[in-house]
PDB file of N, CA and C in Angstrom:
ATOM      1  N   VAL A   1      26.119 -21.346  -6.417  1.00  0.00           N
ATOM      2  CA  VAL A   1      27.020 -22.412  -6.034  1.00  0.00           C
ATOM      3  C   VAL A   1      28.459 -22.015  -6.498  1.00  0.00           C
ATOM      4  N   ARG A   2      29.425 -22.158  -5.681  1.00  0.00           N
ATOM      5  CA  ARG A   2      30.690 -21.792  -5.883  1.00  0.00           C
ATOM      6  C   ARG A   2      31.457 -22.980  -6.458  1.00  0.00           C
ATOM      7  N   GLU A   3      31.637 -22.925  -7.803  1.00  0.00           N
ATOM      8  CA  GLU A   3      32.322 -24.041  -8.483  1.00  0.00           C
ATOM      9  C   GLU A   3      33.770 -23.978  -8.450  1.00  0.00           C
ATOM     10  N   SER A   4      34.411 -22.826  -8.460  1.00  0.00           N
ATOM     11  CA  SER A   4      35.761 -22.710  -8.160  1.00  0.00           C
ATOM     12  C   SER A   4      36.086 -21.319  -7.755  1.00  0.00           C
ATOM     13  N   PRO A   5      37.216 -20.981  -7.381  1.00  0.00           N
ATOM     14  CA  PRO A   5      37.395 -19.660  -6.804  1.00  0.00           C
ATOM     15  C   PRO A   5      37.010 -18.498  -7.740  1.00  0.00           C
ATOM     16  N   LYS A   6      37.016 -18.642  -8.926  1.00  0.00           N
ATOM     17  CA  LYS A   6      36.502 -17.634  -9.896  1.00  0.00           C
ATOM     18  C   LYS A   6      35.088 -17.852 -10.539  1.00  0.00           C
ATOM     19  N   THR A   7      34.438 -18.832 -10.313  1.00  0.00           N
ATOM     20  CA  THR A   7      33.368 -19.157 -11.070  1.00  0.00           C
ATOM     21  C   THR A   7      32.014 -19.493 -10.093  1.00  0.00           C
ATOM     22  N   LEU A   8      30.887 -18.820 -10.342  1.00  0.00           N
ATOM     23  CA  LEU A   8      29.714 -19.174  -9.633  1.00  0.00           C
ATOM     24  C   LEU A   8      28.663 -19.712 -10.555  1.00  0.00           C
ATOM     25  N   LEU A   9      27.836 -20.654 -10.141  1.00  0.00           N
ATOM     26  CA  LEU A   9      26.753 -21.136 -10.820  1.00  0.00           C
ATOM     27  C   LEU A   9      25.450 -20.596 -10.369  1.00  0.00           C
ATOM     28  N   LEU A  10      24.615 -20.009 -11.003  1.00  0.00           N
ATOM     29  CA  LEU A  10      23.322 -19.296 -10.577  1.00  0.00           C
ATOM     30  C   LEU A  10      22.429 -20.530 -10.487  1.00  0.00           C
ATOM     31  N   LYS A  11      21.641 -20.528  -9.375  1.00  0.00           N
ATOM     32  CA  LYS A  11      20.637 -21.332  -9.225  1.00  0.00           C
ATOM     33  C   LYS A  11      19.348 -20.349  -9.163  1.00  0.00           C
ATOM     34  N   ASP A  12      18.064 -20.991  -8.844  1.00  0.00           N
ATOM     35  CA  ASP A  12      17.072 -20.372  -8.999  1.00  0.00           C
ATOM     36  C   ASP A  12      17.021 -18.897  -8.168  1.00  0.00           C
ATOM     37  N   ILE A  13      16.652 -17.838  -8.772  1.00  0.00           N
ATOM     38  CA  ILE A  13      16.098 -16.722  -8.088  1.00  0.00           C
ATOM     39  C   ILE A  13      14.659 -16.487  -8.173  1.00  0.00           C
ATOM     40  N   SER A  14      13.958 -16.628  -7.025  1.00  0.00           N
ATOM     41  CA  SER A  14      12.501 -16.849  -7.156  1.00  0.00           C
ATOM     42  C   SER A  14      11.804 -15.870  -6.342  1.00  0.00           C
ATOM     43  N   ILE A  15      10.794 -15.103  -6.910  1.00  0.00           N
ATOM     44  CA  ILE A  15       9.957 -14.199  -5.989  1.00  0.00           C
ATOM     45  C   ILE A  15       8.608 -14.765  -6.222  1.00  0.00           C
ATOM     46  N   ALA A  16       7.963 -14.716  -4.776  1.00  0.00           N
ATOM     47  CA  ALA A  16       6.540 -15.443  -4.894  1.00  0.00           C
ATOM     48  C   ALA A  16       5.659 -14.517  -5.695  1.00  0.00           C
ATOM     49  N   ASN A  17       4.915 -15.381  -6.353  1.00  0.00           N
ATOM     50  CA  ASN A  17       3.827 -14.637  -7.285  1.00  0.00           C
ATOM     51  C   ASN A  17       2.716 -13.918  -6.277  1.00  0.00           C
ATOM     52  N   MET A  18       2.191 -14.979  -5.506  1.00  0.00           N
ATOM     53  CA  MET A  18       1.155 -14.423  -4.708  1.00  0.00           C
ATOM     54  C   MET A  18       1.340 -14.919  -3.236  1.00  0.00           C
ATOM     55  N   VAL A  19       1.126 -14.254  -2.160  1.00  0.00           N
ATOM     56  CA  VAL A  19       1.541 -14.512  -0.649  1.00  0.00           C
ATOM     57  C   VAL A  19       0.273 -14.185   0.005  1.00  0.00           C
ATOM     58  N   MET A  20      -0.313 -15.097   0.871  1.00  0.00           N
ATOM     59  CA  MET A  20      -1.277 -14.705   1.700  1.00  0.00           C
ATOM     60  C   MET A  20      -0.709 -14.477   3.093  1.00  0.00           C
ATOM     61  N   LEU A  21      -0.940 -13.224   3.643  1.00  0.00           N
ATOM     62  CA  LEU A  21      -0.411 -12.966   5.016  1.00  0.00           C
ATOM     63  C   LEU A  21      -1.267 -13.740   6.071  1.00  0.00           C
ATOM     64  N   THR A  22      -0.876 -14.478   6.994  1.00  0.00           N
ATOM     65  CA  THR A  22      -1.481 -15.098   7.927  1.00  0.00           C
ATOM     66  C   THR A  22      -1.582 -14.329   9.084  1.00  0.00           C
ATOM     67  N   PRO A  23      -2.777 -14.520   9.770  1.00  0.00           N
ATOM     68  CA  PRO A  23      -2.841 -13.759  11.066  1.00  0.00           C
ATOM     69  C   PRO A  23      -1.953 -13.926  12.224  1.00  0.00           C
ATOM     70  N   SER A  24      -1.447 -12.940  12.782  1.00  0.00           N
ATOM     71  CA  SER A  24      -0.383 -13.215  13.736  1.00  0.00           C
ATOM     72  C   SER A  24      -0.814 -13.460  15.129  1.00  0.00           C
ATOM     73  N   ASN A  25      -2.082 -13.314  15.511  1.00  0.00           N
ATOM     74  CA  ASN A  25      -2.611 -13.748  16.796  1.00  0.00           C
ATOM     75  C   ASN A  25      -3.999 -14.386  16.628  1.00  0.00           C
ATOM     76  N   SER A  26      -4.498 -14.854  17.769  1.00  0.00           N
ATOM     77  CA  SER A  26      -5.717 -15.434  17.812  1.00  0.00           C
ATOM     78  C   SER A  26      -6.868 -14.651  17.599  1.00  0.00           C
ATOM     79  N   TRP A  27      -6.892 -13.435  17.945  1.00  0.00           N
ATOM     80  CA  TRP A  27      -7.875 -12.266  17.641  1.00  0.00           C
ATOM     81  C   TRP A  27      -7.931 -12.129  16.242  1.00  0.00           C
ATOM     82  N   ALA A  28      -6.907 -11.814  15.465  1.00  0.00           N
ATOM     83  CA  ALA A  28      -6.752 -11.650  14.044  1.00  0.00           C
ATOM     84  C   ALA A  28      -7.280 -12.863  13.315  1.00  0.00           C
ATOM     85  N   ALA A  29      -6.844 -14.069  13.877  1.00  0.00           N
ATOM     86  CA  ALA A  29      -7.400 -15.264  13.134  1.00  0.00           C
ATOM     87  C   ALA A  29      -8.951 -15.404  13.177  1.00  0.00           C
ATOM     88  N   LEU A  30      -9.509 -14.890  14.382  1.00  0.00           N
ATOM     89  CA  LEU A  30     -11.038 -14.908  14.473  1.00  0.00           C
ATOM     90  C   LEU A  30     -11.638 -14.012  13.682  1.00  0.00           C
ATOM     91  N   LEU A  31     -11.103 -12.868  13.505  1.00  0.00           N
ATOM     92  CA  LEU A  31     -11.681 -11.764  12.593  1.00  0.00           C
ATOM     93  C   LEU A  31     -11.518 -12.187  11.083  1.00  0.00           C
ATOM     94  N   SER A  32     -10.526 -12.864  10.795  1.00  0.00           N
ATOM     95  CA  SER A  32     -10.363 -13.370   9.469  1.00  0.00           C
ATOM     96  C   SER A  32     -11.316 -14.317   8.879  1.00  0.00           C
ATOM     97  N   LYS A  33     -11.926 -14.782   9.889  1.00  0.00           N
ATOM     98  CA  LYS A  33     -13.066 -15.738   9.421  1.00  0.00           C
ATOM     99  C   LYS A  33     -14.505 -15.131   9.148  1.00  0.00           C
ATOM    100  N   LEU A  34     -14.636 -13.754   9.391  1.00  0.00           N
ATOM    101  CA  LEU A  34     -15.786 -13.050   9.182  1.00  0.00           C
ATOM    102  C   LEU A  34     -15.852 -12.709   7.860  1.00  0.00           C
ATOM    103  N   PRO A  35     -17.089 -12.735   7.212  1.00  0.00           N
ATOM    104  CA  PRO A  35     -17.305 -12.348   5.655  1.00  0.00           C
ATOM    105  C   PRO A  35     -16.585 -10.933   5.495  1.00  0.00           C
ATOM    106  N   GLY A  36     -15.823 -10.777   4.406  1.00  0.00           N
ATOM    107  CA  GLY A  36     -15.266  -9.533   4.087  1.00  0.00           C
ATOM    108  C   GLY A  36     -13.869  -9.202   4.778  1.00  0.00           C
ATOM    109  N   CYS A  37     -13.565 -10.041   5.722  1.00  0.00           N
ATOM    110  CA  CYS A  37     -12.274  -9.852   6.503  1.00  0.00           C
ATOM    111  C   CYS A  37     -11.225 -10.681   6.077  1.00  0.00           C
ATOM    112  N   GLN A  38     -11.397 -11.470   5.156  1.00  0.00           N
ATOM    113  CA  GLN A  38     -10.334 -12.646   4.782  1.00  0.00           C
ATOM    114  C   GLN A  38      -9.009 -11.800   4.287  1.00  0.00           C
ATOM    115  N   PRO A  39      -7.775 -12.343   4.610  1.00  0.00           N
ATOM    116  CA  PRO A  39      -6.587 -11.678   4.282  1.00  0.00           C
ATOM    117  C   PRO A  39      -6.480 -11.588   2.754  1.00  0.00           C
ATOM    118  N   LYS A  40      -5.996 -10.639   2.147  1.00  0.00           N
ATOM    119  CA  LYS A  40      -5.729 -10.450   0.740  1.00  0.00           C
ATOM    120  C   LYS A  40      -4.465 -10.950   0.249  1.00  0.00           C
ATOM    121  N   LEU A  41      -4.324 -11.600  -1.108  1.00  0.00           N
ATOM    122  CA  LEU A  41      -3.131 -11.925  -1.515  1.00  0.00           C
ATOM    123  C   LEU A  41      -2.328 -10.696  -1.937  1.00  0.00           C
ATOM    124  N   ILE A  42      -1.093 -10.912  -1.769  1.00  0.00           N
ATOM    125  CA  ILE A  42      -0.149  -9.878  -2.072  1.00  0.00           C
ATOM    126  C   ILE A  42       0.967 -10.378  -3.087  1.00  0.00           C
ATOM    127  N   SER A  43       1.155  -9.634  -4.055  1.00  0.00           N
ATOM    128  CA  SER A  43       2.139 -10.163  -5.178  1.00  0.00           C
ATOM    129  C   SER A  43       3.465  -9.429  -4.967  1.00  0.00           C
ATOM    130  N   TYR A  44       4.566 -10.013  -4.845  1.00  0.00           N
ATOM    131  CA  TYR A  44       5.896  -9.503  -4.795  1.00  0.00           C
ATOM    132  C   TYR A  44       6.465  -9.309  -6.040  1.00  0.00           C
ATOM    133  N   ARG A  45       6.023  -9.981  -7.198  1.00  0.00           N
ATOM    134  CA  ARG A  45       6.422  -9.840  -8.458  1.00  0.00           C
ATOM    135  C   ARG A  45       6.366  -8.321  -9.050  1.00  0.00           C
ATOM    136  N   GLY A  46       7.502  -8.148  -9.902  1.00  0.00           N
ATOM    137  CA  GLY A  46       7.554  -6.817 -10.692  1.00  0.00           C
ATOM    138  C   GLY A  46       7.855  -5.611  -9.848  1.00  0.00           C
ATOM    139  N   LYS A  47       8.331  -5.745  -8.550  1.00  0.00           N
ATOM    140  CA  LYS A  47       8.657  -4.868  -7.583  1.00  0.00           C
ATOM    141  C   LYS A  47      10.186  -4.422  -7.604  1.00  0.00           C
ATOM    142  N   GLY A  48      10.989  -5.146  -8.431  1.00  0.00           N
ATOM    143  CA  GLY A  48      12.517  -4.989  -8.457  1.00  0.00           C
ATOM    144  C   GLY A  48      13.221  -5.831  -7.307  1.00  0.00           C
ATOM    145  N   LEU A  49      12.548  -6.744  -6.652  1.00  0.00           N
ATOM    146  CA  LEU A  49      13.232  -7.562  -5.766  1.00  0.00           C
ATOM    147  C   LEU A  49      14.251  -8.534  -6.272  1.00  0.00           C
ATOM    148  N   GLY A  50      13.889  -9.273  -7.350  1.00  0.00           N
ATOM    149  CA  GLY A  50      14.875 -10.107  -8.189  1.00  0.00           C
ATOM    150  C   GLY A  50      16.075  -9.293  -8.523  1.00  0.00           C
ATOM    151  N   SER A  51      15.814  -8.085  -9.147  1.00  0.00           N
ATOM    152  CA  SER A  51      16.960  -7.352  -9.688  1.00  0.00           C
ATOM    153  C   SER A  51      17.857  -6.777  -8.450  1.00  0.00           C
ATOM    154  N   VAL A  52      17.484  -6.642  -7.296  1.00  0.00           N
ATOM    155  CA  VAL A  52      18.065  -6.260  -6.085  1.00  0.00           C
ATOM    156  C   VAL A  52      18.877  -7.514  -5.729  1.00  0.00           C
ATOM    157  N   LEU A  53      18.335  -8.706  -5.669  1.00  0.00           N
ATOM    158  CA  LEU A  53      19.005  -9.857  -5.357  1.00  0.00           C
ATOM    159  C   LEU A  53      20.157 -10.252  -6.280  1.00  0.00           C
ATOM    160  N   LEU A  54      19.975  -9.976  -7.582  1.00  0.00           N
ATOM    161  CA  LEU A  54      20.875 -10.247  -8.539  1.00  0.00           C
ATOM    162  C   LEU A  54      22.058  -9.258  -8.476  1.00  0.00           C
ATOM    163  N   SER A  55      21.735  -7.978  -8.280  1.00  0.00           N
ATOM    164  CA  SER A  55      22.765  -6.959  -8.199  1.00  0.00           C
ATOM    165  C   SER A  55      23.645  -7.245  -7.032  1.00  0.00           C
ATOM    166  N   CYS A  56      22.955  -7.767  -5.850  1.00  0.00           N
ATOM    167  CA  CYS A  56      23.818  -8.090  -4.628  1.00  0.00           C
ATOM    168  C   CYS A  56      24.670  -9.155  -4.962  1.00  0.00           C
ATOM    169  N   LEU A  57      24.112 -10.183  -5.612  1.00  0.00           N
ATOM    170  CA  LEU A  57      25.029 -11.362  -5.931  1.00  0.00           C
ATOM    171  C   LEU A  57      26.152 -11.005  -6.777  1.00  0.00           C
ATOM    172  N   ILE A  58      25.915 -10.086  -7.745  1.00  0.00           N
ATOM    173  CA  ILE A  58      27.044  -9.598  -8.664  1.00  0.00           C
ATOM    174  C   ILE A  58      28.029  -8.878  -7.823  1.00  0.00           C
ATOM    175  N   GLU A  59      27.532  -8.130  -6.841  1.00  0.00           N
ATOM    176  CA  GLU A  59      28.443  -7.182  -6.153  1.00  0.00           C
ATOM    177  C   GLU A  59      29.349  -8.258  -5.161  1.00  0.00           C
ATOM    178  N   HIS A  60      28.605  -9.190  -4.570  1.00  0.00           N
ATOM    179  CA  HIS A  60      29.384 -10.086  -3.794  1.00  0.00           C
ATOM    180  C   HIS A  60      30.353 -10.938  -4.517  1.00  0.00           C
ATOM    181  N   ALA A  61      30.052 -11.225  -5.711  1.00  0.00           N
ATOM    182  CA  ALA A  61      31.057 -12.111  -6.540  1.00  0.00           C
ATOM    183  C   ALA A  61      32.247 -11.266  -6.908  1.00  0.00           C
ATOM    184  N   ARG A  62      31.881  -9.981  -7.157  1.00  0.00           N
ATOM    185  CA  ARG A  62      33.090  -9.000  -7.620  1.00  0.00           C
ATOM    186  C   ARG A  62      33.912  -8.892  -6.277  1.00  0.00           C
ATOM    187  N   VAL A  63      33.504  -8.597  -5.215  1.00  0.00           N
ATOM    188  CA  VAL A  63      34.246  -8.265  -4.026  1.00  0.00           C
ATOM    189  C   VAL A  63      34.980  -9.636  -3.623  1.00  0.00           C
ATOM    190  N   ASN A  64      34.425 -10.787  -3.996  1.00  0.00           N
ATOM    191  CA  ASN A  64      35.114 -12.004  -3.487  1.00  0.00           C
ATOM    192  C   ASN A  64      36.050 -12.739  -4.549  1.00  0.00           C
ATOM    193  N   GLY A  65      36.387 -11.691  -5.652  1.00  0.00           N
ATOM    194  CA  GLY A  65      37.191 -12.357  -6.749  1.00  0.00           C
ATOM    195  C   GLY A  65      36.643 -13.271  -7.699  1.00  0.00           C
ATOM    196  N   VAL A  66      35.272 -13.309  -7.767  1.00  0.00           N
ATOM    197  CA  VAL A  66      34.658 -14.256  -8.810  1.00  0.00           C
ATOM    198  C   VAL A  66      34.617 -13.541 -10.009  1.00  0.00           C
ATOM    199  N   ARG A  67      35.013 -14.097 -11.160  1.00  0.00           N
ATOM    200  CA  ARG A  67      35.018 -13.289 -12.400  1.00  0.00           C
ATOM    201  C   ARG A  67      34.013 -13.824 -13.434  1.00  0.00           C
ATOM    202  N   TYR A  68      33.273 -14.912 -13.050  1.00  0.00           N
ATOM    203  CA  TYR A  68      32.339 -15.487 -14.023  1.00  0.00           C
ATOM    204  C   TYR A  68      31.164 -16.071 -13.464  1.00  0.00           C
ATOM    205  N   LEU A  69      29.997 -15.551 -13.813  1.00  0.00           N
ATOM    206  CA  LEU A  69      28.736 -16.028 -13.266  1.00  0.00           C
ATOM    207  C   LEU A  69      27.904 -16.758 -14.549  1.00  0.00           C
ATOM    208  N   TYR A  70      27.347 -17.978 -14.224  1.00  0.00           N
ATOM    209  CA  TYR A  70      26.475 -18.521 -15.307  1.00  0.00           C
ATOM    210  C   TYR A  70      25.386 -19.178 -14.738  1.00  0.00           C
ATOM    211  N   GLY A  71      24.403 -19.442 -15.542  1.00  0.00           N
ATOM    212  CA  GLY A  71      23.189 -20.357 -15.191  1.00  0.00           C
ATOM    213  C   GLY A  71      22.517 -20.775 -16.389  1.00  0.00           C
ATOM    214  N   LYS A  72      21.513 -21.787 -16.071  1.00  0.00           N
ATOM    215  CA  LYS A  72      20.660 -22.298 -17.148  1.00  0.00           C
ATOM    216  C   LYS A  72      19.198 -21.619 -17.089  1.00  0.00           C
ATOM    217  N   VAL A  73      18.539 -21.431 -17.972  1.00  0.00           N
ATOM    218  CA  VAL A  73      17.118 -21.249 -18.106  1.00  0.00           C
ATOM    219  C   VAL A  73      16.474 -22.390 -18.685  1.00  0.00           C
ATOM    220  N   MET A  74      15.522 -22.770 -17.944  1.00  0.00           N
ATOM    221  CA  MET A  74      14.672 -23.965 -18.248  1.00  0.00           C
ATOM    222  C   MET A  74      13.514 -23.549 -18.987  1.00  0.00           C
ATOM    223  N   ARG A  75      12.807 -24.544 -19.718  1.00  0.00           N
ATOM    224  CA  ARG A  75      11.659 -24.350 -20.610  1.00  0.00           C
ATOM    225  C   ARG A  75      10.433 -23.691 -19.410  1.00  0.00           C
ATOM    226  N   GLN A  76      10.408 -24.422 -18.393  1.00  0.00           N
ATOM    227  CA  GLN A  76       9.397 -24.021 -17.341  1.00  0.00           C
ATOM    228  C   GLN A  76       9.658 -22.476 -16.938  1.00  0.00           C
ATOM    229  N   ASP A  77      10.826 -22.002 -16.687  1.00  0.00           N
ATOM    230  CA  ASP A  77      11.318 -20.760 -16.376  1.00  0.00           C
ATOM    231  C   ASP A  77      10.673 -19.876 -17.325  1.00  0.00           C
ATOM    232  N   LEU A  78      10.852 -19.942 -18.479  1.00  0.00           N
ATOM    233  CA  LEU A  78      10.409 -19.109 -19.712  1.00  0.00           C
ATOM    234  C   LEU A  78       8.750 -19.107 -19.664  1.00  0.00           C
ATOM    235  N   GLU A  79       8.189 -20.323 -19.466  1.00  0.00           N
ATOM    236  CA  GLU A  79       6.696 -20.398 -19.443  1.00  0.00           C
ATOM    237  C   GLU A  79       6.254 -19.388 -18.300  1.00  0.00           C
ATOM    238  N   ASN A  80       6.751 -19.405 -17.178  1.00  0.00           N
ATOM    239  CA  ASN A  80       6.389 -18.656 -15.966  1.00  0.00           C
ATOM    240  C   ASN A  80       6.653 -17.298 -16.104  1.00  0.00           C
ATOM    241  N   MET A  81       7.926 -16.896 -16.753  1.00  0.00           N
ATOM    242  CA  MET A  81       8.477 -15.517 -16.964  1.00  0.00           C
ATOM    243  C   MET A  81       8.859 -15.271 -18.380  1.00  0.00           C
ATOM    244  N   PRO A  82       7.947 -14.902 -19.279  1.00  0.00           N
ATOM    245  CA  PRO A  82       8.547 -14.889 -20.617  1.00  0.00           C
ATOM    246  C   PRO A  82       9.546 -13.878 -20.940  1.00  0.00           C
ATOM    247  N   LYS A  83       9.710 -12.969 -20.251  1.00  0.00           N
ATOM    248  CA  LYS A  83      10.602 -11.892 -20.332  1.00  0.00           C
ATOM    249  C   LYS A  83      11.971 -12.076 -19.554  1.00  0.00           C
ATOM    250  N   LEU A  84      12.236 -13.428 -19.193  1.00  0.00           N
ATOM    251  CA  LEU A  84      13.291 -13.658 -18.315  1.00  0.00           C
ATOM    252  C   LEU A  84      14.668 -13.291 -19.080  1.00  0.00           C
ATOM    253  N   LEU A  85      14.781 -13.946 -20.100  1.00  0.00           N
ATOM    254  CA  LEU A  85      16.063 -13.663 -20.942  1.00  0.00           C
ATOM    255  C   LEU A  85      16.368 -12.187 -21.196  1.00  0.00           C
ATOM    256  N   GLN A  86      15.323 -11.278 -21.348  1.00  0.00           N
ATOM    257  CA  GLN A  86      15.698  -9.776 -21.475  1.00  0.00           C
ATOM    258  C   GLN A  86      16.078  -9.380 -20.225  1.00  0.00           C
ATOM    259  N   TRP A  87      15.502  -9.800 -19.082  1.00  0.00           N
ATOM    260  CA  TRP A  87      15.684  -9.369 -17.803  1.00  0.00           C
ATOM    261  C   TRP A  87      17.322  -9.734 -17.415  1.00  0.00           C
ATOM    262  N   TYR A  88      17.734 -10.944 -17.816  1.00  0.00           N
ATOM    263  CA  TYR A  88      19.057 -11.229 -17.824  1.00  0.00           C
ATOM    264  C   TYR A  88      19.903 -10.182 -18.464  1.00  0.00           C
ATOM    265  N   GLN A  89      19.703 -10.016 -19.717  1.00  0.00           N
ATOM    266  CA  GLN A  89      20.296  -9.008 -20.680  1.00  0.00           C
ATOM    267  C   GLN A  89      20.415  -7.754 -20.041  1.00  0.00           C
ATOM    268  N   LYS A  90      19.296  -7.278 -19.404  1.00  0.00           N
ATOM    269  CA  LYS A  90      19.278  -6.041 -18.866  1.00  0.00           C
ATOM    270  C   LYS A  90      20.401  -5.827 -17.810  1.00  0.00           C
ATOM    271  N   HIS A  91      20.694  -6.814 -17.113  1.00  0.00           N
ATOM    272  CA  HIS A  91      21.687  -7.059 -15.963  1.00  0.00           C
ATOM    273  C   HIS A  91      23.046  -7.361 -16.556  1.00  0.00           C
ATOM    274  N   GLY A  92      23.277  -7.335 -17.933  1.00  0.00           N
ATOM    275  CA  GLY A  92      24.600  -7.338 -18.429  1.00  0.00           C
ATOM    276  C   GLY A  92      24.929  -8.851 -18.826  1.00  0.00           C
ATOM    277  N   PHE A  93      24.031  -9.658 -18.610  1.00  0.00           N
ATOM    278  CA  PHE A  93      24.338 -11.317 -19.132  1.00  0.00           C
ATOM    279  C   PHE A  93      24.159 -11.498 -20.640  1.00  0.00           C
ATOM    280  N   GLU A  94      25.148 -12.411 -21.000  1.00  0.00           N
ATOM    281  CA  GLU A  94      25.072 -12.810 -22.706  1.00  0.00           C
ATOM    282  C   GLU A  94      24.249 -14.103 -22.442  1.00  0.00           C
ATOM    283  N   ILE A  95      23.409 -14.165 -23.431  1.00  0.00           N
ATOM    284  CA  ILE A  95      22.593 -15.334 -23.688  1.00  0.00           C
ATOM    285  C   ILE A  95      23.095 -16.316 -24.656  1.00  0.00           C
ATOM    286  N   LYS A  96      23.238 -17.564 -24.307  1.00  0.00           N
ATOM    287  CA  LYS A  96      23.900 -18.586 -25.293  1.00  0.00           C
ATOM    288  C   LYS A  96      22.784 -19.626 -25.471  1.00  0.00           C
ATOM    289  N   GLN A  97      22.681 -20.129 -26.736  1.00  0.00           N
ATOM    290  CA  GLN A  97      21.861 -21.218 -26.902  1.00  0.00           C
ATOM    291  C   GLN A  97      22.447 -22.666 -26.434  1.00  0.00           C
ATOM    292  N   PRO A  98      21.449 -23.571 -25.950  1.00  0.00           N
ATOM    293  CA  PRO A  98      21.969 -24.849 -25.480  1.00  0.00           C
ATOM    294  C   PRO A  98      22.563 -25.427 -26.521  1.00  0.00           C
ATOM    295  N   THR A  99      23.556 -26.517 -26.091  1.00  0.00           N
ATOM    296  CA  THR A  99      24.192 -27.441 -27.413  1.00  0.00           C
ATOM    297  C   THR A  99      23.364 -28.790 -27.333  1.00  0.00           C
ATOM    298  N   LEU A 100      23.801 -29.430 -28.322  1.00  0.00           N
ATOM    299  CA  LEU A 100      23.122 -30.666 -28.349  1.00  0.00           C
ATOM    300  C   LEU A 100      23.171 -31.695 -27.394  1.00  0.00           C
ATOM    301  N   GLU A 101      24.402 -31.590 -26.489  1.00  0.00           N
ATOM    302  CA  GLU A 101      24.691 -32.309 -25.401  1.00  0.00           C
ATOM    303  C   GLU A 101      23.818 -31.912 -24.052  1.00  0.00           C
ATOM    304  N   ASP A 102      23.316 -30.639 -24.153  1.00  0.00           N
ATOM    305  CA  ASP A 102      22.410 -30.339 -23.116  1.00  0.00           C
ATOM    306  C   ASP A 102      21.162 -30.901 -22.726  1.00  0.00           C
ATOM    307  N   ASP A 103      20.681 -30.880 -21.612  1.00  0.00           N
ATOM    308  CA  ASP A 103      19.193 -31.509 -21.407  1.00  0.00           C
ATOM    309  C   ASP A 103      18.224 -30.674 -22.208  1.00  0.00           C
ATOM    310  N   SER A 104      17.250 -31.514 -22.733  1.00  0.00           N
ATOM    311  CA  SER A 104      16.308 -30.904 -23.718  1.00  0.00           C
ATOM    312  C   SER A 104      15.494 -29.893 -23.125  1.00  0.00           C
ATOM    313  N   ASP A 105      15.450 -29.663 -21.787  1.00  0.00           N
ATOM    314  CA  ASP A 105      14.654 -28.690 -21.169  1.00  0.00           C
ATOM    315  C   ASP A 105      15.299 -27.484 -21.004  1.00  0.00           C
ATOM    316  N   ILE A 106      16.669 -27.402 -21.152  1.00  0.00           N
ATOM    317  CA  ILE A 106      17.322 -26.116 -21.081  1.00  0.00           C
ATOM    318  C   ILE A 106      17.000 -25.318 -22.299  1.00  0.00           C
ATOM    319  N   THR A 107      16.469 -24.059 -22.310  1.00  0.00           N
ATOM    320  CA  THR A 107      16.178 -23.175 -23.436  1.00  0.00           C
ATOM    321  C   THR A 107      17.355 -22.210 -23.592  1.00  0.00           C
ATOM    322  N   ALA A 108      18.211 -21.901 -22.645  1.00  0.00           N
ATOM    323  CA  ALA A 108      19.437 -21.022 -22.797  1.00  0.00           C
ATOM    324  C   ALA A 108      20.339 -21.088 -21.685  1.00  0.00           C
ATOM    325  N   TRP A 109      21.419 -20.704 -21.901  1.00  0.00           N
ATOM    326  CA  TRP A 109      22.439 -20.254 -20.889  1.00  0.00           C
ATOM    327  C   TRP A 109      22.691 -18.821 -20.700  1.00  0.00           C
ATOM    328  N   VAL A 110      22.844 -18.468 -19.431  1.00  0.00           N
ATOM    329  CA  VAL A 110      23.139 -16.934 -19.205  1.00  0.00           C
ATOM    330  C   VAL A 110      24.565 -16.866 -18.658  1.00  0.00           C
ATOM    331  N   HIS A 111      25.251 -15.983 -19.066  1.00  0.00           N
ATOM    332  CA  HIS A 111      26.655 -15.824 -18.687  1.00  0.00           C
ATOM    333  C   HIS A 111      27.091 -14.365 -18.387  1.00  0.00           C
ATOM    334  N   LEU A 112      27.835 -14.176 -17.439  1.00  0.00           N
ATOM    335  CA  LEU A 112      28.343 -12.843 -17.131  1.00  0.00           C
ATOM    336  C   LEU A 112      29.799 -12.837 -16.702  1.00  0.00           C
ATOM    337  N   TYR A 113      30.638 -12.226 -17.432  1.00  0.00           N
ATOM    338  CA  TYR A 113      32.061 -11.939 -17.106  1.00  0.00           C
ATOM    339  C   TYR A 113      32.207 -10.729 -16.365  1.00  0.00           C
ATOM    340  N   ILE A 114      32.650 -10.704 -15.142  1.00  0.00           N
ATOM    341  CA  ILE A 114      32.815  -9.537 -14.220  1.00  0.00           C
ATOM    342  C   ILE A 114      34.299  -8.929 -14.398  1.00  0.00           C
TER     343      ILE A 114
END
């Protein structure tokens, strides 16, 4: 979310844990009903997609004159992805603790000066 010409607020970057591919035609749909032919769950996590998305966002911000990216990490985010703060640090973000005025579900703020 562009807050000002030089500031972007990060919202959720989400990669699906598990996705089930659905048959693309009626023949495949019929086959998928047979024992042993059910579609398999595919996980897209841990394949670097989030890192690519974040890198593209940082480059887009840099090219468009944005100098500051920030976002909040919620309690639920850390429950789902315990290494999230380290992931942001790996991408150059600084981690800041929430203040007393912040929502109690915010566990940290992430900041990146470009």
